[in-house]
Amino acid sequence: SASDEHVRIKIVQHSSCASCQVSSRCQLSESKE
């Protein structure tokens, strides 16, 4: 959202292994909003 003076932004932080091809099956990968 955006108003006159400030903007609310969602940032998704991925762990270092989030780009790995098997991360969907791995319990160690995580991401935080």
Full PDB file with SEQRES, HELIX, SHEET, SSBOND, CRYST1, ORIGX, SCALE, CONECT and MASTER records, all heavy atoms in Angstrom:
SEQRES   1 A   33  SER ALA SER ASP GLU HIS VAL ARG ILE LYS ILE VAL GLN          
SEQRES   2 A   33  HIS SER SER CYS ALA SER CYS GLN VAL SER SER ARG CYS          
SEQRES   3 A   33  GLN LEU SER GLU SER LYS GLU                                  
SHEET    1 AA1 2 GLN A  13  HIS A  14  0                                        
SHEET    2 AA1 2 SER A  31  LYS A  32 -1                                        
CRYST1    1.000    1.000    1.000  90.00  90.00  90.00 P 1           1          
ORIGX1      1.000000  0.000000  0.000000        0.00000                         
ORIGX2      0.000000  1.000000  0.000000        0.00000                         
ORIGX3      0.000000  0.000000  1.000000        0.00000                         
SCALE1      1.000000  0.000000  0.000000        0.00000                         
SCALE2      0.000000  1.000000  0.000000        0.00000                         
SCALE3      0.000000  0.000000  1.000000        0.00000                         
ATOM      1  N   SER A   1       0.850  -1.185   0.000  1.00  0.00           N  
ATOM      2  CA  SER A   1       0.000   0.000   0.000  1.00  0.00           C  
ATOM      3  C   SER A   1       0.886   1.236   0.000  1.00  0.00           C  
ATOM      4  O   SER A   1       2.048   1.181   0.401  1.00  0.00           O  
ATOM      5  CB  SER A   1      -0.936   0.014   1.212  1.00  0.00           C  
ATOM      6  OG  SER A   1      -0.178   0.109   2.403  1.00  0.00           O  
ATOM      7  N   ALA A   2       0.309   2.330  -0.463  1.00  0.00           N  
ATOM      8  CA  ALA A   2       1.042   3.595  -0.489  1.00  0.00           C  
ATOM      9  C   ALA A   2       0.096   4.721  -0.117  1.00  0.00           C  
ATOM     10  O   ALA A   2      -1.064   4.736  -0.518  1.00  0.00           O  
ATOM     11  CB  ALA A   2       1.631   3.832  -1.873  1.00  0.00           C  
ATOM     12  N   SER A   3       0.598   5.644   0.690  1.00  0.00           N  
ATOM     13  CA  SER A   3      -0.171   6.829   1.038  1.00  0.00           C  
ATOM     14  C   SER A   3       0.668   8.051   0.670  1.00  0.00           C  
ATOM     15  O   SER A   3       1.610   7.940  -0.106  1.00  0.00           O  
ATOM     16  CB  SER A   3      -0.538   6.817   2.522  1.00  0.00           C  
ATOM     17  OG  SER A   3       0.621   6.951   3.303  1.00  0.00           O  
ATOM     18  N   ASP A   4       0.339   9.183   1.240  1.00  0.00           N  
ATOM     19  CA  ASP A   4       1.038  10.408   0.883  1.00  0.00           C  
ATOM     20  C   ASP A   4       2.525  10.387   1.232  1.00  0.00           C  
ATOM     21  O   ASP A   4       3.342  10.868   0.473  1.00  0.00           O  
ATOM     22  CB  ASP A   4       0.384  11.619   1.552  1.00  0.00           C  
ATOM     23  CG  ASP A   4      -1.010  11.872   1.010  1.00  0.00           C  
ATOM     24  OD1 ASP A   4      -1.284  11.452  -0.136  1.00  0.00           O  
ATOM     25  OD2 ASP A   4      -1.823  12.477   1.729  1.00  0.00           O  
ATOM     26  N   GLU A   5       2.857   9.834   2.395  1.00  0.00           N  
ATOM     27  CA  GLU A   5       4.241   9.917   2.847  1.00  0.00           C  
ATOM     28  C   GLU A   5       4.924   8.585   3.129  1.00  0.00           C  
ATOM     29  O   GLU A   5       6.117   8.572   3.371  1.00  0.00           O  
ATOM     30  CB  GLU A   5       4.325  10.777   4.114  1.00  0.00           C  
ATOM     31  CG  GLU A   5       3.992  12.215   3.881  1.00  0.00           C  
ATOM     32  CD  GLU A   5       4.182  13.043   5.135  1.00  0.00           C  
ATOM     33  OE1 GLU A   5       4.542  12.469   6.182  1.00  0.00           O  
ATOM     34  OE2 GLU A   5       3.969  14.256   5.054  1.00  0.00           O  
ATOM     35  N   HIS A   6       4.198   7.484   3.135  1.00  0.00           N  
ATOM     36  CA  HIS A   6       4.879   6.220   3.396  1.00  0.00           C  
ATOM     37  C   HIS A   6       4.320   5.087   2.544  1.00  0.00           C  
ATOM     38  O   HIS A   6       3.188   5.122   2.099  1.00  0.00           O  
ATOM     39  CB  HIS A   6       4.860   5.859   4.888  1.00  0.00           C  
ATOM     40  CG  HIS A   6       3.561   5.364   5.399  1.00  0.00           C  
ATOM     41  ND1 HIS A   6       2.548   6.188   5.780  1.00  0.00           N  
ATOM     42  CD2 HIS A   6       3.112   4.105   5.597  1.00  0.00           C  
ATOM     43  CE1 HIS A   6       1.529   5.477   6.200  1.00  0.00           C  
ATOM     44  NE2 HIS A   6       1.847   4.211   6.101  1.00  0.00           N  
ATOM     45  N   VAL A   7       5.189   4.100   2.339  1.00  0.00           N  
ATOM     46  CA  VAL A   7       4.867   2.938   1.507  1.00  0.00           C  
ATOM     47  C   VAL A   7       5.089   1.693   2.350  1.00  0.00           C  
ATOM     48  O   VAL A   7       6.120   1.555   3.000  1.00  0.00           O  
ATOM     49  CB  VAL A   7       5.780   2.891   0.258  1.00  0.00           C  
ATOM     50  CG1 VAL A   7       5.418   1.721  -0.627  1.00  0.00           C  
ATOM     51  CG2 VAL A   7       5.731   4.189  -0.507  1.00  0.00           C  
ATOM     52  N   ARG A   8       4.118   0.777   2.358  1.00  0.00           N  
ATOM     53  CA  ARG A   8       4.273  -0.516   3.022  1.00  0.00           C  
ATOM     54  C   ARG A   8       4.717  -1.523   1.975  1.00  0.00           C  
ATOM     55  O   ARG A   8       4.098  -1.658   0.926  1.00  0.00           O  
ATOM     56  CB  ARG A   8       2.958  -0.964   3.655  1.00  0.00           C  
ATOM     57  CG  ARG A   8       2.599  -0.102   4.854  1.00  0.00           C  
ATOM     58  CD  ARG A   8       1.414  -0.637   5.604  1.00  0.00           C  
ATOM     59  NE  ARG A   8       1.765  -1.954   6.143  1.00  0.00           N  
ATOM     60  CZ  ARG A   8       0.888  -2.935   6.309  1.00  0.00           C  
ATOM     61  NH1 ARG A   8      -0.363  -2.765   5.997  1.00  0.00           N  
ATOM     62  NH2 ARG A   8       1.265  -4.081   6.809  1.00  0.00           N  
ATOM     63  N   ILE A   9       5.801  -2.234   2.284  1.00  0.00           N  
ATOM     64  CA  ILE A   9       6.419  -3.140   1.330  1.00  0.00           C  
ATOM     65  C   ILE A   9       6.603  -4.510   1.959  1.00  0.00           C  
ATOM     66  O   ILE A   9       7.020  -4.622   3.121  1.00  0.00           O  
ATOM     67  CB  ILE A   9       7.782  -2.591   0.869  1.00  0.00           C  
ATOM     68  CG1 ILE A   9       7.575  -1.246   0.214  1.00  0.00           C  
ATOM     69  CG2 ILE A   9       8.480  -3.556  -0.070  1.00  0.00           C  
ATOM     70  CD1 ILE A   9       8.824  -0.488  -0.021  1.00  0.00           C  
ATOM     71  N   LYS A  10       6.292  -5.550   1.185  1.00  0.00           N  
ATOM     72  CA  LYS A  10       6.517  -6.925   1.627  1.00  0.00           C  
ATOM     73  C   LYS A  10       7.813  -7.417   1.001  1.00  0.00           C  
ATOM     74  O   LYS A  10       7.981  -7.376  -0.216  1.00  0.00           O  
ATOM     75  CB  LYS A  10       5.363  -7.829   1.216  1.00  0.00           C  
ATOM     76  CG  LYS A  10       5.582  -9.289   1.601  1.00  0.00           C  
ATOM     77  CD  LYS A  10       4.395 -10.153   1.272  1.00  0.00           C  
ATOM     78  CE  LYS A  10       4.280 -10.346  -0.211  1.00  0.00           C  
ATOM     79  NZ  LYS A  10       3.283 -11.357  -0.596  1.00  0.00           N  
ATOM     80  N   ILE A  11       8.722  -7.846   1.862  1.00  0.00           N  
ATOM     81  CA  ILE A  11       9.996  -8.403   1.416  1.00  0.00           C  
ATOM     82  C   ILE A  11      10.006  -9.871   1.793  1.00  0.00           C  
ATOM     83  O   ILE A  11       9.697 -10.230   2.928  1.00  0.00           O  
ATOM     84  CB  ILE A  11      11.179  -7.685   2.085  1.00  0.00           C  
ATOM     85  CG1 ILE A  11      11.221  -6.227   1.670  1.00  0.00           C  
ATOM     86  CG2 ILE A  11      12.488  -8.367   1.745  1.00  0.00           C  
ATOM     87  CD1 ILE A  11      12.270  -5.425   2.386  1.00  0.00           C  
ATOM     88  N   VAL A  12      10.369 -10.726   0.850  1.00  0.00           N  
ATOM     89  CA  VAL A  12      10.476 -12.151   1.128  1.00  0.00           C  
ATOM     90  C   VAL A  12      11.955 -12.489   1.187  1.00  0.00           C  
ATOM     91  O   VAL A  12      12.673 -12.335   0.207  1.00  0.00           O  
ATOM     92  CB  VAL A  12       9.771 -13.003   0.050  1.00  0.00           C  
ATOM     93  CG1 VAL A  12       9.936 -14.479   0.359  1.00  0.00           C  
ATOM     94  CG2 VAL A  12       8.314 -12.634  -0.054  1.00  0.00           C  
ATOM     95  N   GLN A  13      12.412 -12.915   2.366  1.00  0.00           N  
ATOM     96  CA  GLN A  13      13.798 -13.321   2.534  1.00  0.00           C  
ATOM     97  C   GLN A  13      13.876 -14.828   2.408  1.00  0.00           C  
ATOM     98  O   GLN A  13      13.153 -15.554   3.087  1.00  0.00           O  
ATOM     99  CB  GLN A  13      14.332 -12.908   3.899  1.00  0.00           C  
ATOM    100  CG  GLN A  13      14.626 -11.451   4.016  1.00  0.00           C  
ATOM    101  CD  GLN A  13      15.291 -11.150   5.338  1.00  0.00           C  
ATOM    102  OE1 GLN A  13      14.897 -11.656   6.367  1.00  0.00           O  
ATOM    103  NE2 GLN A  13      16.301 -10.304   5.296  1.00  0.00           N  
ATOM    104  N   HIS A  14      14.752 -15.265   1.546  1.00  0.00           N  
ATOM    105  CA  HIS A  14      14.947 -16.697   1.330  1.00  0.00           C  
ATOM    106  C   HIS A  14      16.242 -17.125   1.988  1.00  0.00           C  
ATOM    107  O   HIS A  14      17.196 -16.370   2.059  1.00  0.00           O  
ATOM    108  CB  HIS A  14      15.019 -17.021  -0.163  1.00  0.00           C  
ATOM    109  CG  HIS A  14      13.782 -16.652  -0.906  1.00  0.00           C  
ATOM    110  ND1 HIS A  14      12.620 -17.366  -0.820  1.00  0.00           N  
ATOM    111  CD2 HIS A  14      13.513 -15.616  -1.744  1.00  0.00           C  
ATOM    112  CE1 HIS A  14      11.691 -16.813  -1.581  1.00  0.00           C  
ATOM    113  NE2 HIS A  14      12.205 -15.737  -2.145  1.00  0.00           N  
ATOM    114  N   SER A  15      16.258 -18.368   2.461  1.00  0.00           N  
ATOM    115  CA  SER A  15      17.505 -18.894   2.986  1.00  0.00           C  
ATOM    116  C   SER A  15      18.449 -19.135   1.817  1.00  0.00           C  
ATOM    117  O   SER A  15      18.056 -19.117   0.659  1.00  0.00           O  
ATOM    118  CB  SER A  15      17.257 -20.185   3.766  1.00  0.00           C  
ATOM    119  OG  SER A  15      16.803 -21.199   2.901  1.00  0.00           O  
ATOM    120  N   SER A  16      19.691 -19.374   2.114  1.00  0.00           N  
ATOM    121  CA  SER A  16      20.691 -19.522   1.057  1.00  0.00           C  
ATOM    122  C   SER A  16      20.449 -20.740   0.171  1.00  0.00           C  
ATOM    123  O   SER A  16      20.920 -20.788  -0.957  1.00  0.00           O  
ATOM    124  CB  SER A  16      22.089 -19.606   1.666  1.00  0.00           C  
ATOM    125  OG  SER A  16      22.164 -20.712   2.532  1.00  0.00           O  
ATOM    126  N   CYS A  17      19.698 -21.700   0.640  1.00  0.00           N  
ATOM    127  CA  CYS A  17      19.457 -22.884  -0.169  1.00  0.00           C  
ATOM    128  C   CYS A  17      18.096 -22.847  -0.862  1.00  0.00           C  
ATOM    129  O   CYS A  17      17.664 -23.844  -1.440  1.00  0.00           O  
ATOM    130  CB  CYS A  17      19.595 -24.148   0.668  1.00  0.00           C  
ATOM    131  SG  CYS A  17      18.471 -24.233   2.056  1.00  0.00           S  
ATOM    132  N   ALA A  18      17.400 -21.717  -0.820  1.00  0.00           N  
ATOM    133  CA  ALA A  18      16.074 -21.634  -1.414  1.00  0.00           C  
ATOM    134  C   ALA A  18      16.113 -21.780  -2.938  1.00  0.00           C  
ATOM    135  O   ALA A  18      15.137 -22.189  -3.549  1.00  0.00           O  
ATOM    136  CB  ALA A  18      15.407 -20.322  -1.043  1.00  0.00           C  
ATOM    137  N   SER A  19      17.248 -21.463  -3.538  1.00  0.00           N  
ATOM    138  CA  SER A  19      17.354 -21.578  -4.993  1.00  0.00           C  
ATOM    139  C   SER A  19      17.702 -22.998  -5.440  1.00  0.00           C  
ATOM    140  O   SER A  19      17.738 -23.283  -6.628  1.00  0.00           O  
ATOM    141  CB  SER A  19      18.409 -20.601  -5.513  1.00  0.00           C  
ATOM    142  OG  SER A  19      19.668 -20.912  -4.942  1.00  0.00           O  
ATOM    143  N   CYS A  20      17.927 -23.889  -4.493  1.00  0.00           N  
ATOM    144  CA  CYS A  20      18.271 -25.271  -4.809  1.00  0.00           C  
ATOM    145  C   CYS A  20      17.072 -25.980  -5.437  1.00  0.00           C  
ATOM    146  O   CYS A  20      15.925 -25.733  -5.076  1.00  0.00           O  
ATOM    147  CB  CYS A  20      18.696 -25.984  -3.530  1.00  0.00           C  
ATOM    148  SG  CYS A  20      19.122 -27.716  -3.762  1.00  0.00           S  
ATOM    149  N   GLN A  21      17.324 -26.895  -6.365  1.00  0.00           N  
ATOM    150  CA  GLN A  21      16.255 -27.582  -7.076  1.00  0.00           C  
ATOM    151  C   GLN A  21      15.476 -28.540  -6.195  1.00  0.00           C  
ATOM    152  O   GLN A  21      14.324 -28.831  -6.460  1.00  0.00           O  
ATOM    153  CB  GLN A  21      16.830 -28.335  -8.275  1.00  0.00           C  
ATOM    154  CG  GLN A  21      17.383 -27.402  -9.334  1.00  0.00           C  
ATOM    155  CD  GLN A  21      18.028 -28.157 -10.469  1.00  0.00           C  
ATOM    156  OE1 GLN A  21      18.224 -29.365 -10.387  1.00  0.00           O  
ATOM    157  NE2 GLN A  21      18.359 -27.443 -11.535  1.00  0.00           N  
ATOM    158  N   VAL A  22      16.074 -29.053  -5.137  1.00  0.00           N  
ATOM    159  CA  VAL A  22      15.378 -30.002  -4.259  1.00  0.00           C  
ATOM    160  C   VAL A  22      14.862 -29.327  -2.997  1.00  0.00           C  
ATOM    161  O   VAL A  22      14.470 -29.998  -2.047  1.00  0.00           O  
ATOM    162  CB  VAL A  22      16.284 -31.196  -3.876  1.00  0.00           C  
ATOM    163  CG1 VAL A  22      16.595 -32.038  -5.085  1.00  0.00           C  
ATOM    164  CG2 VAL A  22      17.533 -30.731  -3.171  1.00  0.00           C  
ATOM    165  N   SER A  23      14.827 -27.997  -2.968  1.00  0.00           N  
ATOM    166  CA  SER A  23      14.414 -27.302  -1.748  1.00  0.00           C  
ATOM    167  C   SER A  23      12.953 -27.558  -1.402  1.00  0.00           C  
ATOM    168  O   SER A  23      12.567 -27.450  -0.239  1.00  0.00           O  
ATOM    169  CB  SER A  23      14.658 -25.801  -1.882  1.00  0.00           C  
ATOM    170  OG  SER A  23      13.860 -25.270  -2.916  1.00  0.00           O  
ATOM    171  N   SER A  24      12.120 -27.916  -2.380  1.00  0.00           N  
ATOM    172  CA  SER A  24      10.718 -28.189  -2.070  1.00  0.00           C  
ATOM    173  C   SER A  24      10.568 -29.460  -1.246  1.00  0.00           C  
ATOM    174  O   SER A  24       9.593 -29.619  -0.525  1.00  0.00           O  
ATOM    175  CB  SER A  24       9.910 -28.306  -3.364  1.00  0.00           C  
ATOM    176  OG  SER A  24      10.385 -29.397  -4.124  1.00  0.00           O  
ATOM    177  N   ARG A  25      11.532 -30.353  -1.322  1.00  0.00           N  
ATOM    178  CA  ARG A  25      11.481 -31.595  -0.555  1.00  0.00           C  
ATOM    179  C   ARG A  25      12.366 -31.547   0.688  1.00  0.00           C  
ATOM    180  O   ARG A  25      12.377 -32.467   1.476  1.00  0.00           O  
ATOM    181  CB  ARG A  25      11.921 -32.758  -1.443  1.00  0.00           C  
ATOM    182  CG  ARG A  25      10.958 -32.994  -2.575  1.00  0.00           C  
ATOM    183  CD  ARG A  25      11.401 -34.174  -3.436  1.00  0.00           C  
ATOM    184  NE  ARG A  25      10.607 -34.228  -4.621  1.00  0.00           N  
ATOM    185  CZ  ARG A  25      10.934 -33.675  -5.773  1.00  0.00           C  
ATOM    186  NH1 ARG A  25      12.050 -33.009  -5.882  1.00  0.00           N  
ATOM    187  NH2 ARG A  25      10.148 -33.776  -6.819  1.00  0.00           N  
ATOM    188  N   CYS A  26      13.113 -30.496   0.822  1.00  0.00           N  
ATOM    189  CA  CYS A  26      14.068 -30.377   1.922  1.00  0.00           C  
ATOM    190  C   CYS A  26      13.417 -29.648   3.086  1.00  0.00           C  
ATOM    191  O   CYS A  26      12.717 -28.660   2.905  1.00  0.00           O  
ATOM    192  CB  CYS A  26      15.302 -29.609   1.446  1.00  0.00           C  
ATOM    193  SG  CYS A  26      16.551 -29.376   2.695  1.00  0.00           S  
ATOM    194  N   GLN A  27      13.666 -30.111   4.290  1.00  0.00           N  
ATOM    195  CA  GLN A  27      13.108 -29.474   5.481  1.00  0.00           C  
ATOM    196  C   GLN A  27      13.946 -28.282   5.947  1.00  0.00           C  
ATOM    197  O   GLN A  27      13.519 -27.531   6.804  1.00  0.00           O  
ATOM    198  CB  GLN A  27      13.011 -30.499   6.622  1.00  0.00           C  
ATOM    199  CG  GLN A  27      12.116 -31.664   6.305  1.00  0.00           C  
ATOM    200  CD  GLN A  27      10.679 -31.233   6.087  1.00  0.00           C  
ATOM    201  OE1 GLN A  27      10.182 -30.348   6.754  1.00  0.00           O  
ATOM    202  NE2 GLN A  27      10.007 -31.853   5.138  1.00  0.00           N  
ATOM    203  N   LEU A  28      15.141 -28.108   5.394  1.00  0.00           N  
ATOM    204  CA  LEU A  28      16.023 -27.041   5.853  1.00  0.00           C  
ATOM    205  C   LEU A  28      15.755 -25.708   5.163  1.00  0.00           C  
ATOM    206  O   LEU A  28      16.108 -24.665   5.684  1.00  0.00           O  
ATOM    207  CB  LEU A  28      17.483 -27.434   5.624  1.00  0.00           C  
ATOM    208  CG  LEU A  28      17.954 -28.669   6.389  1.00  0.00           C  
ATOM    209  CD1 LEU A  28      19.380 -29.004   5.996  1.00  0.00           C  
ATOM    210  CD2 LEU A  28      17.863 -28.431   7.883  1.00  0.00           C  
ATOM    211  N   SER A  29      15.167 -25.739   3.968  1.00  0.00           N  
ATOM    212  CA  SER A  29      14.950 -24.477   3.254  1.00  0.00           C  
ATOM    213  C   SER A  29      13.774 -23.738   3.878  1.00  0.00           C  
ATOM    214  O   SER A  29      12.808 -24.330   4.318  1.00  0.00           O  
ATOM    215  CB  SER A  29      14.682 -24.731   1.775  1.00  0.00           C  
ATOM    216  OG  SER A  29      13.479 -25.430   1.618  1.00  0.00           O  
ATOM    217  N   GLU A  30      13.884 -22.428   3.938  1.00  0.00           N  
ATOM    218  CA  GLU A  30      12.821 -21.626   4.522  1.00  0.00           C  
ATOM    219  C   GLU A  30      12.839 -20.244   3.893  1.00  0.00           C  
ATOM    220  O   GLU A  30      13.809 -19.819   3.310  1.00  0.00           O  
ATOM    221  CB  GLU A  30      12.992 -21.501   6.033  1.00  0.00           C  
ATOM    222  CG  GLU A  30      14.245 -20.766   6.443  1.00  0.00           C  
ATOM    223  CD  GLU A  30      14.362 -20.649   7.941  1.00  0.00           C  
ATOM    224  OE1 GLU A  30      14.192 -21.641   8.643  1.00  0.00           O  
ATOM    225  OE2 GLU A  30      14.642 -19.527   8.384  1.00  0.00           O  
ATOM    226  N   SER A  31      11.728 -19.576   4.015  1.00  0.00           N  
ATOM    227  CA  SER A  31      11.650 -18.182   3.592  1.00  0.00           C  
ATOM    228  C   SER A  31      10.768 -17.449   4.587  1.00  0.00           C  
ATOM    229  O   SER A  31       9.863 -18.018   5.172  1.00  0.00           O  
ATOM    230  CB  SER A  31      11.087 -18.061   2.181  1.00  0.00           C  
ATOM    231  OG  SER A  31       9.770 -18.547   2.129  1.00  0.00           O  
ATOM    232  N   LYS A  32      11.074 -16.168   4.791  1.00  0.00           N  
ATOM    233  CA  LYS A  32      10.336 -15.354   5.742  1.00  0.00           C  
ATOM    234  C   LYS A  32       9.828 -14.112   5.042  1.00  0.00           C  
ATOM    235  O   LYS A  32      10.531 -13.520   4.239  1.00  0.00           O  
ATOM    236  CB  LYS A  32      11.237 -14.935   6.902  1.00  0.00           C  
ATOM    237  CG  LYS A  32      11.744 -16.061   7.747  1.00  0.00           C  
ATOM    238  CD  LYS A  32      12.634 -15.525   8.846  1.00  0.00           C  
ATOM    239  CE  LYS A  32      13.235 -16.658   9.646  1.00  0.00           C  
ATOM    240  NZ  LYS A  32      14.168 -16.161  10.652  1.00  0.00           N  
ATOM    241  N   GLU A  33       8.600 -13.752   5.362  1.00  0.00           N  
ATOM    242  CA  GLU A  33       8.035 -12.516   4.836  1.00  0.00           C  
ATOM    243  C   GLU A  33       8.167 -11.440   5.891  1.00  0.00           C  
ATOM    244  O   GLU A  33       7.868 -11.659   7.056  1.00  0.00           O  
ATOM    245  CB  GLU A  33       6.559 -12.699   4.477  1.00  0.00           C  
ATOM    246  CG  GLU A  33       6.328 -13.493   3.234  1.00  0.00           C  
ATOM    247  CD  GLU A  33       4.861 -13.511   2.838  1.00  0.00           C  
ATOM    248  OE1 GLU A  33       4.037 -12.877   3.525  1.00  0.00           O  
ATOM    249  OE2 GLU A  33       4.545 -14.160   1.847  1.00  0.00           O  
TER     250      GLU A  33                                                      
MASTER        0    0    0    0    2    0    0    6  249    1    0    3          
END                                                                             
